[in-house]
Structures are given as C-alpha cells and as structure tokens.
N, C-alpha and C. Protein backbone atom coordinates (compact mmCIF):
# COMPACT_ATOMS: atom_id res chain seq x y z
N MET A 1 5.80 -2.88 4.59
CA MET A 1 4.87 -2.93 3.48
C MET A 1 4.18 -1.59 3.28
N TYR A 2 3.75 -0.96 4.38
CA TYR A 2 3.04 0.31 4.24
C TYR A 2 3.92 1.35 3.56
N GLN A 3 5.20 1.36 3.88
CA GLN A 3 6.10 2.36 3.29
C GLN A 3 6.14 2.23 1.77
N LYS A 4 6.06 1.02 1.28
CA LYS A 4 6.05 0.82 -0.18
C LYS A 4 4.79 1.43 -0.77
N TYR A 5 3.66 1.23 -0.10
CA TYR A 5 2.41 1.85 -0.54
C TYR A 5 2.55 3.37 -0.53
N ALA A 6 3.08 3.91 0.57
CA ALA A 6 3.22 5.37 0.70
C ALA A 6 4.12 5.93 -0.40
N ASP A 7 5.19 5.21 -0.73
CA ASP A 7 6.07 5.66 -1.81
C ASP A 7 5.33 5.72 -3.14
N LEU A 8 4.55 4.68 -3.43
CA LEU A 8 3.77 4.67 -4.68
C LEU A 8 2.75 5.81 -4.69
N ARG A 9 2.08 5.99 -3.57
CA ARG A 9 1.07 7.05 -3.45
C ARG A 9 1.69 8.42 -3.69
N ASP A 10 2.84 8.66 -3.07
CA ASP A 10 3.50 9.95 -3.20
C ASP A 10 4.00 10.18 -4.63
N LYS A 11 4.54 9.14 -5.25
CA LYS A 11 5.02 9.26 -6.64
C LYS A 11 3.88 9.57 -7.58
N ALA A 12 2.69 9.01 -7.28
CA ALA A 12 1.52 9.23 -8.12
C ALA A 12 0.81 10.55 -7.78
N SER A 13 1.29 11.23 -6.74
CA SER A 13 0.69 12.50 -6.28
C SER A 13 -0.81 12.38 -6.03
N VAL A 14 -1.17 11.33 -5.28
CA VAL A 14 -2.57 11.14 -4.90
C VAL A 14 -2.65 11.04 -3.37
N THR A 15 -3.85 11.20 -2.86
CA THR A 15 -4.07 11.12 -1.41
C THR A 15 -4.64 9.74 -1.06
N ASP A 16 -4.61 9.41 0.23
CA ASP A 16 -5.23 8.16 0.67
C ASP A 16 -6.71 8.14 0.28
N TYR A 17 -7.36 9.28 0.38
CA TYR A 17 -8.78 9.37 0.03
C TYR A 17 -9.00 9.00 -1.44
N GLU A 18 -8.16 9.54 -2.32
CA GLU A 18 -8.29 9.23 -3.75
C GLU A 18 -8.04 7.75 -4.02
N VAL A 19 -7.02 7.20 -3.37
CA VAL A 19 -6.72 5.77 -3.54
C VAL A 19 -7.91 4.94 -3.06
N ALA A 20 -8.46 5.29 -1.90
CA ALA A 20 -9.59 4.56 -1.34
C ALA A 20 -10.78 4.60 -2.29
N LYS A 21 -11.05 5.77 -2.82
CA LYS A 21 -12.18 5.95 -3.73
C LYS A 21 -12.03 5.10 -4.99
N GLN A 22 -10.82 5.01 -5.51
CA GLN A 22 -10.57 4.29 -6.75
C GLN A 22 -10.42 2.77 -6.57
N THR A 23 -9.99 2.34 -5.37
CA THR A 23 -9.70 0.92 -5.17
C THR A 23 -10.71 0.19 -4.30
N GLY A 24 -11.48 0.93 -3.52
CA GLY A 24 -12.39 0.29 -2.58
C GLY A 24 -11.72 -0.11 -1.27
N VAL A 25 -10.43 0.20 -1.12
CA VAL A 25 -9.72 -0.05 0.13
C VAL A 25 -9.94 1.19 0.99
N SER A 26 -10.63 1.04 2.11
CA SER A 26 -11.04 2.20 2.90
C SER A 26 -9.85 2.97 3.48
N THR A 27 -10.08 4.26 3.72
CA THR A 27 -9.04 5.07 4.35
C THR A 27 -8.75 4.55 5.76
N ALA A 28 -9.75 4.00 6.44
CA ALA A 28 -9.54 3.43 7.77
C ALA A 28 -8.57 2.25 7.67
N THR A 29 -8.73 1.42 6.64
CA THR A 29 -7.82 0.29 6.43
C THR A 29 -6.41 0.80 6.21
N LEU A 30 -6.26 1.83 5.38
CA LEU A 30 -4.94 2.39 5.09
C LEU A 30 -4.31 2.96 6.36
N THR A 31 -5.11 3.64 7.18
CA THR A 31 -4.61 4.21 8.43
C THR A 31 -4.19 3.11 9.40
N ASN A 32 -5.02 2.08 9.53
CA ASN A 32 -4.68 0.97 10.42
C ASN A 32 -3.41 0.26 9.95
N TRP A 33 -3.25 0.16 8.64
CA TRP A 33 -2.05 -0.44 8.08
C TRP A 33 -0.83 0.41 8.43
N LYS A 34 -0.99 1.72 8.30
CA LYS A 34 0.11 2.65 8.60
C LYS A 34 0.61 2.47 10.03
N TYR A 35 -0.31 2.31 10.97
CA TYR A 35 0.06 2.22 12.38
C TYR A 35 0.27 0.79 12.87
N GLY A 36 0.33 -0.15 11.93
CA GLY A 36 0.64 -1.52 12.28
C GLY A 36 -0.48 -2.29 12.96
N ARG A 37 -1.70 -1.78 12.89
CA ARG A 37 -2.83 -2.46 13.52
C ARG A 37 -3.48 -3.46 12.57
N TYR A 38 -3.03 -3.47 11.33
CA TYR A 38 -3.69 -4.26 10.31
C TYR A 38 -2.69 -4.60 9.22
N ASN A 39 -2.72 -5.83 8.75
CA ASN A 39 -1.97 -6.22 7.56
C ASN A 39 -2.99 -6.50 6.47
N PRO A 40 -2.87 -5.84 5.35
CA PRO A 40 -3.89 -5.99 4.31
C PRO A 40 -3.96 -7.41 3.75
N LYS A 41 -5.17 -7.83 3.49
CA LYS A 41 -5.40 -9.14 2.90
C LYS A 41 -5.07 -9.10 1.41
N ALA A 42 -4.97 -10.25 0.82
CA ALA A 42 -4.56 -10.37 -0.59
C ALA A 42 -5.46 -9.57 -1.52
N ASP A 43 -6.78 -9.56 -1.27
CA ASP A 43 -7.67 -8.83 -2.18
C ASP A 43 -7.40 -7.33 -2.15
N LYS A 44 -7.05 -6.82 -0.98
CA LYS A 44 -6.74 -5.38 -0.87
C LYS A 44 -5.41 -5.07 -1.56
N LEU A 45 -4.42 -5.94 -1.36
CA LEU A 45 -3.13 -5.74 -2.02
C LEU A 45 -3.29 -5.84 -3.54
N MET A 46 -4.16 -6.74 -3.99
CA MET A 46 -4.40 -6.87 -5.43
C MET A 46 -4.99 -5.58 -5.98
N ALA A 47 -5.95 -5.01 -5.28
CA ALA A 47 -6.56 -3.76 -5.72
C ALA A 47 -5.53 -2.64 -5.79
N LEU A 48 -4.67 -2.57 -4.79
CA LEU A 48 -3.63 -1.53 -4.77
C LEU A 48 -2.60 -1.77 -5.87
N SER A 49 -2.21 -3.02 -6.08
CA SER A 49 -1.21 -3.31 -7.11
C SER A 49 -1.77 -2.99 -8.49
N GLU A 50 -3.03 -3.30 -8.73
CA GLU A 50 -3.65 -2.96 -10.02
C GLU A 50 -3.74 -1.44 -10.20
N TYR A 51 -4.11 -0.75 -9.16
CA TYR A 51 -4.24 0.71 -9.22
C TYR A 51 -2.90 1.37 -9.56
N PHE A 52 -1.82 0.90 -8.92
CA PHE A 52 -0.51 1.51 -9.13
C PHE A 52 0.28 0.86 -10.27
N GLY A 53 -0.23 -0.23 -10.82
CA GLY A 53 0.45 -0.88 -11.93
C GLY A 53 1.73 -1.60 -11.55
N VAL A 54 1.73 -2.20 -10.36
CA VAL A 54 2.88 -2.97 -9.91
C VAL A 54 2.41 -4.39 -9.59
N PRO A 55 3.31 -5.37 -9.65
CA PRO A 55 2.91 -6.73 -9.26
C PRO A 55 2.65 -6.79 -7.76
N MET A 56 1.79 -7.69 -7.34
CA MET A 56 1.49 -7.82 -5.91
C MET A 56 2.74 -8.11 -5.10
N GLU A 57 3.68 -8.83 -5.69
CA GLU A 57 4.92 -9.18 -4.99
C GLU A 57 5.72 -7.94 -4.58
N TYR A 58 5.48 -6.84 -5.26
CA TYR A 58 6.17 -5.58 -4.92
C TYR A 58 6.05 -5.27 -3.43
N PHE A 59 4.87 -5.51 -2.87
CA PHE A 59 4.62 -5.19 -1.46
C PHE A 59 5.35 -6.14 -0.51
N TYR A 60 5.75 -7.31 -1.00
CA TYR A 60 6.42 -8.29 -0.16
C TYR A 60 7.94 -8.22 -0.24
N GLU A 61 8.46 -7.53 -1.24
CA GLU A 61 9.91 -7.42 -1.40
C GLU A 61 10.48 -6.55 -0.29
N LYS A 62 11.63 -6.96 0.22
CA LYS A 62 12.28 -6.18 1.28
C LYS A 62 12.97 -4.96 0.68
N THR A 63 12.91 -3.88 1.44
CA THR A 63 13.63 -2.67 1.04
C THR A 63 15.04 -2.76 1.59
N GLU A 64 15.91 -1.88 1.13
CA GLU A 64 17.29 -1.86 1.64
C GLU A 64 17.30 -1.64 3.15
N LYS A 65 16.43 -0.78 3.66
CA LYS A 65 16.36 -0.51 5.10
C LYS A 65 16.00 -1.78 5.87
N GLU A 66 15.03 -2.53 5.35
CA GLU A 66 14.61 -3.76 6.03
C GLU A 66 15.71 -4.81 6.02
N GLU A 67 16.48 -4.86 4.94
CA GLU A 67 17.55 -5.85 4.83
C GLU A 67 18.70 -5.53 5.78
N ASP A 68 18.86 -4.27 6.15
CA ASP A 68 19.93 -3.86 7.07
C ASP A 68 19.65 -4.31 8.51
N HIS A 69 18.40 -4.60 8.83
CA HIS A 69 18.05 -4.95 10.21
C HIS A 69 18.16 -6.42 10.46
C-alpha cells in the first residue's frame, strides 16, 4: 500500500511534508507506514485519496509485483 502512495507522491512531485500539510496525515504516520509499523486507517486513506484524486480502493488494489508473490 505504501508504494502506491509513494508512486502518487512522486508523480505529483510533492514531498511527504507537503502531503502532510495539505491532508492532515502527519509525516510520522507516513514514515511509520513506510516501515510497516502502521497501516493507515480509513480516514487517513480517504484524505490521501481525495488529495491525489484517486478512489480509496486504489490503495487496496494489488500491484503486478504483489500478484507475482
């Protein structure tokens, strides 16, 4: 899931700090998510999906890499 967020962030050319500032999802939450210490709750995913203009389900869809495992 985090990789999907990172892909969206990179395509939008924004930093975690900018995303946090605009969505209210803290940089600490994003960092913990990155390292697998945290799975974001629905409200956080909703904020991120609205910010990036994707449906919330986007974060739950498997990538080709995940399907190979």
